[in-house]
Amino acid sequence: MSDKLLFNCTHKADAERATLPFVAANIAAIAGQNAVVLCTIDAVWLGTNGGTGGIEADGLPKLSDLYDEYVGNGGEVWLCAACTKPRNIGEDQLAKGAKIVGAAAVVEEIVNGAKAVAFA
């Protein structure tokens, strides 16, 4: 049985939508939960070196600071392999705490009981 909490993030250009999954996932990580931010579509850029730079929504922390805090709290960032490929994002570009994962790994976690949280 998977104890993971998967927080889906699909946005980079919309600062609020890019930041909120990390806020929630960081709260989970602080509480000792096994938290993963699953970045898909344009959000895969958030898991690259410098990918969170300049992203800040009113009333929310700077995403670059939050990302570092989240990873420091044991959180993981998964980048969708099908989304990184057309953007030519490779392993050598990944920020600390990020890794590229295929859909099979995500499906396996869900089938095994991981809970998914989506921010639309």
Protein backbone atom coordinates (compact mmCIF):
# COMPACT_ATOMS: atom_id res chain seq x y z
CA MET A 1 0.00 0.00 0.00
CA SER A 2 1.49 3.32 -1.08
CA ASP A 3 1.52 6.10 1.47
CA LYS A 4 2.37 8.78 -1.09
CA LEU A 5 0.44 11.98 -1.57
CA LEU A 6 0.74 13.13 -5.20
CA PHE A 7 0.14 16.85 -5.74
CA ASN A 8 -0.34 17.50 -9.45
CA CYS A 9 1.03 20.75 -10.86
CA THR A 10 0.41 21.67 -14.50
CA HIS A 11 1.29 25.38 -14.65
CA LYS A 12 4.41 27.50 -14.80
CA ALA A 13 3.21 30.81 -16.26
CA ASP A 14 0.39 31.24 -13.72
CA ALA A 15 2.29 31.93 -10.49
CA GLU A 16 -0.60 31.06 -8.18
CA ARG A 17 -1.30 27.74 -9.91
CA ALA A 18 2.40 26.91 -9.99
CA THR A 19 2.89 27.67 -6.29
CA LEU A 20 -0.18 26.19 -4.57
CA PRO A 21 0.71 22.51 -5.14
CA PHE A 22 4.09 23.18 -3.53
CA VAL A 23 2.44 24.96 -0.59
CA ALA A 24 0.19 21.97 0.09
CA ALA A 25 2.93 19.41 -0.53
CA ASN A 26 5.30 21.27 1.80
CA ILE A 27 2.70 21.20 4.57
CA ALA A 28 2.42 17.45 4.05
CA ALA A 29 6.20 17.02 4.07
CA ILE A 30 6.53 19.07 7.27
CA ALA A 31 3.91 16.78 8.84
CA GLY A 32 6.05 13.76 7.95
CA GLN A 33 3.98 12.61 5.00
CA ASN A 34 5.49 11.09 1.87
CA ALA A 35 4.82 14.03 -0.48
CA VAL A 36 5.44 14.23 -4.23
CA VAL A 37 4.74 17.16 -6.54
CA LEU A 38 3.99 15.62 -9.93
CA CYS A 39 4.75 18.21 -12.59
CA THR A 40 3.10 17.75 -15.95
CA ILE A 41 2.71 19.85 -19.11
CA ASP A 42 4.56 23.20 -18.73
CA ALA A 43 5.12 22.67 -15.01
CA VAL A 44 7.98 20.28 -15.83
CA TRP A 45 10.14 23.39 -16.20
CA LEU A 46 9.75 23.97 -12.43
CA GLY A 47 11.97 20.96 -11.73
CA THR A 48 14.86 22.27 -13.79
CA ASN A 49 17.79 24.37 -12.59
CA GLY A 50 16.48 27.93 -12.26
CA GLY A 51 12.98 26.84 -13.30
CA THR A 52 11.26 28.44 -10.30
CA GLY A 53 13.08 31.76 -10.57
CA GLY A 54 10.91 34.87 -10.68
CA ILE A 55 7.68 33.03 -9.85
CA GLU A 56 5.82 34.78 -7.05
CA ALA A 57 2.07 35.23 -6.52
CA ASP A 58 0.59 37.84 -4.19
CA GLY A 59 0.22 36.47 -0.68
CA LEU A 60 2.29 33.35 -1.40
CA PRO A 61 5.99 32.63 -0.89
CA LYS A 62 8.48 32.92 -3.72
CA LEU A 63 8.38 29.57 -5.47
CA SER A 64 12.18 29.30 -5.54
CA ASP A 65 12.33 29.57 -1.73
CA LEU A 66 9.36 27.26 -1.27
CA TYR A 67 10.84 24.66 -3.64
CA ASP A 68 14.08 24.58 -1.64
CA GLU A 69 12.21 24.34 1.66
CA TYR A 70 9.98 21.56 0.34
CA VAL A 71 12.90 19.47 -0.92
CA GLY A 72 14.73 20.16 2.33
CA ASN A 73 11.72 18.75 4.17
CA GLY A 74 12.05 15.49 2.23
CA GLY A 75 9.62 16.26 -0.61
CA GLU A 76 10.16 14.89 -4.10
CA VAL A 77 9.45 16.49 -7.46
CA TRP A 78 8.53 14.13 -10.28
CA LEU A 79 8.59 15.37 -13.86
CA CYS A 80 6.40 13.62 -16.41
CA ALA A 81 8.64 11.85 -18.91
CA ALA A 82 6.14 12.34 -21.75
CA CYS A 83 6.15 16.08 -20.99
CA THR A 84 9.93 16.52 -20.62
CA LYS A 85 10.73 14.76 -23.88
CA PRO A 86 9.19 17.30 -26.32
CA ARG A 87 10.74 20.11 -24.26
CA ASN A 88 14.19 18.49 -24.51
CA ILE A 89 14.61 18.42 -20.73
CA GLY A 90 17.24 15.91 -19.68
CA GLU A 91 18.60 14.58 -16.40
CA ASP A 92 21.51 17.05 -16.54
CA GLN A 93 19.06 19.97 -16.26
CA LEU A 94 17.22 18.80 -13.16
CA ALA A 95 17.08 20.76 -9.93
CA LYS A 96 17.78 19.14 -6.58
CA GLY A 97 14.98 16.78 -5.57
CA ALA A 98 13.61 16.37 -9.10
CA LYS A 99 13.55 13.27 -11.26
CA ILE A 100 11.91 12.26 -14.51
CA VAL A 101 9.33 9.48 -14.15
CA GLY A 102 7.21 7.62 -16.64
CA ALA A 103 3.45 7.26 -16.51
CA ALA A 104 3.78 3.62 -15.43
CA ALA A 105 5.42 4.71 -12.14
CA VAL A 106 2.61 7.17 -11.44
CA VAL A 107 -0.10 4.65 -12.30
CA GLU A 108 1.59 2.06 -10.10
CA GLU A 109 1.56 4.44 -7.12
CA ILE A 110 -2.14 5.24 -7.65
CA VAL A 111 -3.06 1.56 -8.02
CA ASN A 112 -1.14 0.86 -4.82
CA GLY A 113 -3.13 3.44 -2.88
CA ALA A 114 -1.40 6.79 -3.36
CA LYS A 115 -3.76 9.71 -3.01
CA ALA A 116 -3.77 12.33 -5.75
CA VAL A 117 -4.48 16.02 -5.23
CA ALA A 118 -5.04 18.20 -8.30
CA PHE A 119 -4.94 21.97 -8.55
CA ALA A 120 -6.88 22.94 -11.67
